[in-house]
Amino acid sequence: MIKGVTFDLWDTMVRDESDEPVRAAQGLRSKKAERRYLLWEALNALEPIDAARVELAYNVGDAAFNEVWHKQFVTWTIAERLAVILDGLGRTLPAADFARVVQAHESMEVEISPDMIEGIAEALADLAKRYKLCVVSDTIVTPAGGLRAVLEKHGIKQHFSGFAFSDEVGHSKPHRAMFDKAAAELGLKLEELVHIGDRDHNDVKGPQSLGMKAILFTASRAHDKDTTSAEAVCERHADLPGIVDSLSGR
């Protein structure tokens, strides 16, 4: 019987990039542009540097991050990513300036948070009555502490008994360490868990290879709907408690 439910965060509970229209309405740069501006501003204040050169180095750094993320299942922290970019530029920042740029990156999605996906709060409240819940999420820019703050801000953090964030675990999905961490957080066996997420490779094939069940969530991203091996497909959170109960045999 299923005793625990693990949740992907981005495009499963929170709609990725839904904060961008809010930023635009406030006259702010996009997150991508702001990150590059923050680094250029800090460097340029010490010694003039062409913004295009910083942008190119940042793009190369992002490409390196994606290579490590997808092939080695590791998500570098923002501090690690910026260090790689600075090394490529042959520049350094004083410790205080570097810390300020890191903090500005990490707090961006906390200060202006992306939206929750419709129905998730109600689904979590319902599921938490019968199952232990855990977040299993990669940390791409916002670290674990920031993501906990986003969940708190949306009023849903209290439903979770555990968290497995890639910057704290040391690996990203679909690495076994992420799901082992979730099982340990909940005090359950892997085969007692069902995972919910929007990507077949990470959120379905990964947990299934460990003996877990998986549900593909398609409200925000339906790319894998026709080829998934998931035990169930969920198109809206209103249906999720019933789907989990059915898989659990309740």
Protein backbone atom coordinates (compact mmCIF):
# COMPACT_ATOMS: atom_id res chain seq x y z
CA MET A 1 0.00 0.00 0.00
CA ILE A 2 1.17 3.51 -0.74
CA LYS A 3 1.98 5.39 2.45
CA GLY A 4 3.78 8.43 1.09
CA VAL A 5 3.50 10.82 -1.86
CA THR A 6 6.47 12.74 -3.24
CA PHE A 7 6.05 15.86 -5.37
CA ASP A 8 8.15 17.54 -8.00
CA LEU A 9 7.95 21.32 -7.53
CA TRP A 10 8.37 23.14 -10.86
CA ASP A 11 5.38 22.76 -13.22
CA THR A 12 3.84 20.29 -10.77
CA MET A 13 3.04 22.51 -7.80
CA VAL A 14 4.38 25.87 -8.97
CA ARG A 15 4.09 27.12 -12.56
CA ASP A 16 7.59 27.83 -13.85
CA GLU A 17 8.22 31.34 -15.18
CA SER A 18 4.77 32.59 -14.14
CA ASP A 19 6.59 35.34 -12.26
CA GLU A 20 7.93 36.87 -15.48
CA PRO A 21 4.69 38.77 -16.40
CA VAL A 22 4.68 40.23 -12.88
CA ARG A 23 8.25 41.40 -13.29
CA ALA A 24 7.45 42.93 -16.68
CA ALA A 25 4.39 44.73 -15.28
CA GLN A 26 6.63 46.27 -12.61
CA GLY A 27 9.13 47.44 -15.20
CA LEU A 28 11.77 44.94 -14.10
CA ARG A 29 14.16 43.01 -16.28
CA SER A 30 13.49 39.34 -16.95
CA LYS A 31 15.22 37.03 -14.51
CA LYS A 32 17.71 35.96 -17.17
CA ALA A 33 18.61 39.56 -18.01
CA GLU A 34 18.72 40.61 -14.35
CA ARG A 35 21.16 37.85 -13.43
CA ARG A 36 23.57 38.93 -16.13
CA TYR A 37 23.14 42.59 -15.17
CA LEU A 38 23.89 41.89 -11.52
CA LEU A 39 27.21 40.28 -12.37
CA TRP A 40 28.15 42.95 -14.91
CA GLU A 41 27.25 45.74 -12.47
CA ALA A 42 29.45 44.30 -9.73
CA LEU A 43 32.40 43.76 -12.06
CA ASN A 44 32.04 47.07 -13.88
CA ALA A 45 32.05 49.00 -10.60
CA LEU A 46 35.56 47.70 -9.93
CA GLU A 47 36.97 47.81 -13.45
CA PRO A 48 35.04 48.62 -16.65
CA ILE A 49 33.98 45.55 -18.63
CA ASP A 50 31.82 45.17 -21.73
CA ALA A 51 28.32 43.89 -20.91
CA ALA A 52 28.37 41.65 -23.99
CA ARG A 53 31.48 39.92 -22.70
CA VAL A 54 29.79 39.20 -19.37
CA GLU A 55 26.69 37.91 -21.12
CA LEU A 56 28.72 35.55 -23.29
CA ALA A 57 30.58 34.19 -20.27
CA TYR A 58 27.30 33.77 -18.40
CA ASN A 59 25.80 31.87 -21.35
CA VAL A 60 28.81 29.56 -21.42
CA GLY A 61 28.46 29.04 -17.68
CA ASP A 62 24.80 28.14 -18.11
CA ALA A 63 25.72 25.63 -20.83
CA ALA A 64 28.27 24.02 -18.52
CA PHE A 65 25.69 23.88 -15.72
CA ASN A 66 23.18 22.14 -18.01
CA GLU A 67 25.80 19.62 -19.13
CA VAL A 68 26.61 18.64 -15.55
CA TRP A 69 22.94 18.70 -14.54
CA HIS A 70 21.72 16.42 -17.32
CA LYS A 71 24.67 14.04 -17.53
CA GLN A 72 26.05 13.89 -13.99
CA PHE A 73 22.79 14.62 -12.12
CA VAL A 74 24.32 17.46 -10.12
CA THR A 75 23.02 21.02 -9.80
CA TRP A 76 25.78 23.52 -9.05
CA THR A 77 24.87 26.19 -6.55
CA ILE A 78 24.72 29.80 -7.72
CA ALA A 79 28.02 30.46 -5.97
CA GLU A 80 29.62 27.59 -7.89
CA ARG A 81 28.11 28.77 -11.18
CA LEU A 82 29.26 32.34 -10.70
CA ALA A 83 32.74 31.14 -9.77
CA VAL A 84 32.94 29.25 -13.07
CA ILE A 85 31.80 32.35 -14.98
CA LEU A 86 34.29 34.61 -13.22
CA ASP A 87 37.07 32.13 -13.92
CA GLY A 88 36.15 32.23 -17.59
CA LEU A 89 36.31 36.02 -17.52
CA GLY A 90 39.62 36.00 -15.68
CA ARG A 91 38.09 38.24 -13.02
CA THR A 92 37.35 38.06 -9.32
CA LEU A 93 35.05 39.89 -6.93
CA PRO A 94 35.72 40.86 -3.31
CA ALA A 95 34.01 38.44 -0.93
CA ALA A 96 31.33 40.95 0.11
CA ASP A 97 30.47 41.85 -3.50
CA PHE A 98 30.38 38.19 -4.51
CA ALA A 99 28.07 37.34 -1.60
CA ARG A 100 25.76 40.22 -2.53
CA VAL A 101 25.46 39.02 -6.14
CA VAL A 102 24.82 35.44 -4.98
CA GLN A 103 22.14 36.57 -2.55
CA ALA A 104 20.40 38.68 -5.20
CA HIS A 105 20.25 35.65 -7.50
CA GLU A 106 18.96 33.34 -4.80
CA SER A 107 16.23 35.67 -3.51
CA MET A 108 14.77 36.69 -6.88
CA GLU A 109 12.05 34.03 -6.98
CA VAL A 110 11.29 34.50 -3.31
CA GLU A 111 10.68 38.23 -3.59
CA ILE A 112 8.48 37.81 -6.69
CA SER A 113 7.29 34.23 -6.56
CA PRO A 114 5.83 32.16 -9.39
CA ASP A 115 2.19 31.14 -9.05
CA MET A 116 0.85 27.94 -7.57
CA ILE A 117 -0.92 25.65 -10.01
CA GLU A 118 -4.68 25.68 -9.53
CA GLY A 119 -5.95 23.10 -7.07
CA ILE A 120 -2.62 22.11 -5.52
CA ALA A 121 -3.39 23.56 -2.07
CA GLU A 122 -6.66 21.64 -1.84
CA ALA A 123 -5.08 18.41 -3.14
CA LEU A 124 -2.24 18.60 -0.62
CA ALA A 125 -4.60 19.26 2.27
CA ASP A 126 -6.66 16.22 1.26
CA LEU A 127 -3.70 13.89 0.67
CA ALA A 128 -1.99 14.90 3.92
CA LYS A 129 -4.88 13.35 5.85
CA ARG A 130 -3.91 9.87 4.61
CA TYR A 131 -0.30 10.01 3.42
CA LYS A 132 3.05 11.48 4.37
CA LEU A 133 4.14 14.07 1.81
CA CYS A 134 7.62 15.10 0.62
CA VAL A 135 8.99 17.55 -1.94
CA VAL A 136 11.61 16.13 -4.34
CA SER A 137 12.97 18.99 -6.45
CA ASP A 138 16.04 20.11 -8.34
CA THR A 139 17.36 23.53 -7.34
CA ILE A 140 18.32 25.38 -10.52
CA VAL A 141 18.72 28.97 -9.27
CA THR A 142 16.75 29.27 -6.05
CA PRO A 143 18.30 27.09 -3.32
CA ALA A 144 16.49 24.85 -0.87
CA GLY A 145 15.98 27.61 1.68
CA GLY A 146 14.41 29.86 -0.93
CA LEU A 147 12.12 27.13 -2.20
CA ARG A 148 10.96 26.40 1.33
CA ALA A 149 10.20 30.12 1.63
CA VAL A 150 8.19 30.04 -1.61
CA LEU A 151 6.14 27.10 -0.32
CA GLU A 152 5.63 28.93 2.98
CA LYS A 153 4.60 32.07 1.14
CA HIS A 154 1.94 30.12 -0.73
CA GLY A 155 0.69 28.52 2.49
CA ILE A 156 1.42 24.89 1.55
CA LYS A 157 4.73 24.12 3.26
CA GLN A 158 3.01 22.79 6.38
CA HIS A 159 1.60 19.82 4.45
CA PHE A 160 5.06 18.32 3.91
CA SER A 161 6.85 16.06 6.37
CA GLY A 162 10.08 16.02 4.36
CA PHE A 163 12.13 17.72 1.65
CA ALA A 164 14.73 16.43 -0.79
CA PHE A 165 16.35 19.35 -2.64
CA SER A 166 19.23 18.68 -4.99
CA ASP A 167 21.58 21.28 -3.52
CA GLU A 168 21.23 19.64 -0.10
CA VAL A 169 21.28 16.03 -1.36
CA GLY A 170 24.24 16.53 -3.71
CA HIS A 171 22.50 14.98 -6.69
CA SER A 172 19.49 15.82 -8.86
CA LYS A 173 16.66 13.72 -10.27
CA PRO A 174 16.53 11.00 -11.42
CA HIS A 175 19.53 10.02 -9.25
CA ARG A 176 18.61 7.46 -6.61
CA ALA A 177 19.96 9.68 -3.82
CA MET A 178 17.05 12.09 -4.26
CA PHE A 179 14.42 9.42 -3.70
CA ASP A 180 16.41 7.68 -0.97
CA LYS A 181 16.47 11.03 0.84
CA ALA A 182 12.69 11.37 0.47
CA ALA A 183 12.11 7.86 1.84
CA ALA A 184 14.40 8.57 4.78
CA GLU A 185 12.68 11.88 5.49
CA LEU A 186 9.30 10.12 5.65
CA GLY A 187 10.53 6.96 7.39
CA LEU A 188 9.14 4.81 4.58
CA LYS A 189 10.40 2.30 2.02
CA LEU A 190 10.75 3.34 -1.62
CA GLU A 191 8.09 0.84 -2.67
CA GLU A 192 5.64 2.56 -0.32
CA LEU A 193 5.94 5.84 -2.28
CA VAL A 194 4.34 7.29 -5.38
CA HIS A 195 5.99 10.23 -7.11
CA ILE A 196 4.18 12.98 -9.03
CA GLY A 197 5.90 15.12 -11.65
CA ASP A 198 5.73 16.51 -15.16
CA ARG A 199 8.73 14.84 -16.88
CA ASP A 200 8.69 11.17 -17.85
CA HIS A 201 12.47 10.69 -17.65
CA ASN A 202 13.01 12.30 -14.26
CA ASP A 203 9.66 11.93 -12.52
CA VAL A 204 8.42 8.61 -13.91
CA LYS A 205 11.25 6.42 -15.18
CA GLY A 206 13.53 7.45 -12.31
CA PRO A 207 11.23 6.48 -9.43
CA GLN A 208 9.87 3.42 -11.27
CA SER A 209 13.41 2.04 -11.59
CA LEU A 210 13.55 2.08 -7.78
CA GLY A 211 10.29 0.22 -7.24
CA MET A 212 8.13 3.30 -6.75
CA LYS A 213 4.94 4.13 -8.61
CA ALA A 214 4.66 7.34 -10.61
CA ILE A 215 1.98 9.75 -11.81
CA LEU A 216 2.64 12.07 -14.74
CA PHE A 217 1.17 15.55 -14.18
CA THR A 218 0.23 17.32 -17.41
CA ALA A 219 -1.56 20.57 -16.54
CA SER A 220 1.53 22.69 -17.24
CA ARG A 221 3.57 20.41 -19.47
CA ALA A 222 2.04 17.60 -21.50
CA HIS A 223 5.00 16.74 -23.75
CA ASP A 224 5.38 13.18 -22.40
CA LYS A 225 1.70 12.30 -22.12
CA ASP A 226 1.55 9.93 -25.10
CA THR A 227 4.76 8.03 -24.35
CA THR A 228 4.87 7.86 -20.56
CA SER A 229 5.17 4.63 -18.60
CA ALA A 230 3.46 6.19 -15.57
CA GLU A 231 0.87 4.19 -13.68
CA ALA A 232 -1.49 7.12 -14.13
CA VAL A 233 -1.74 10.51 -15.83
CA CYS A 234 -3.22 13.48 -13.94
CA GLU A 235 -4.46 16.52 -15.87
CA ARG A 236 -5.65 18.57 -12.89
CA HIS A 237 -4.97 18.54 -9.18
CA ALA A 238 -8.64 18.12 -8.33
CA ASP A 239 -8.31 14.52 -9.55
CA LEU A 240 -5.04 13.74 -7.78
CA PRO A 241 -6.31 12.46 -4.40
CA GLY A 242 -8.61 9.98 -6.14
CA ILE A 243 -5.82 8.78 -8.43
CA VAL A 244 -3.45 8.22 -5.50
CA ASP A 245 -6.14 6.42 -3.50
CA SER A 246 -6.88 4.19 -6.49
CA LEU A 247 -3.21 3.24 -6.93
CA SER A 248 -3.00 2.59 -3.20
CA GLY A 249 -6.00 0.29 -3.27
CA ARG A 250 -7.94 2.42 -0.83
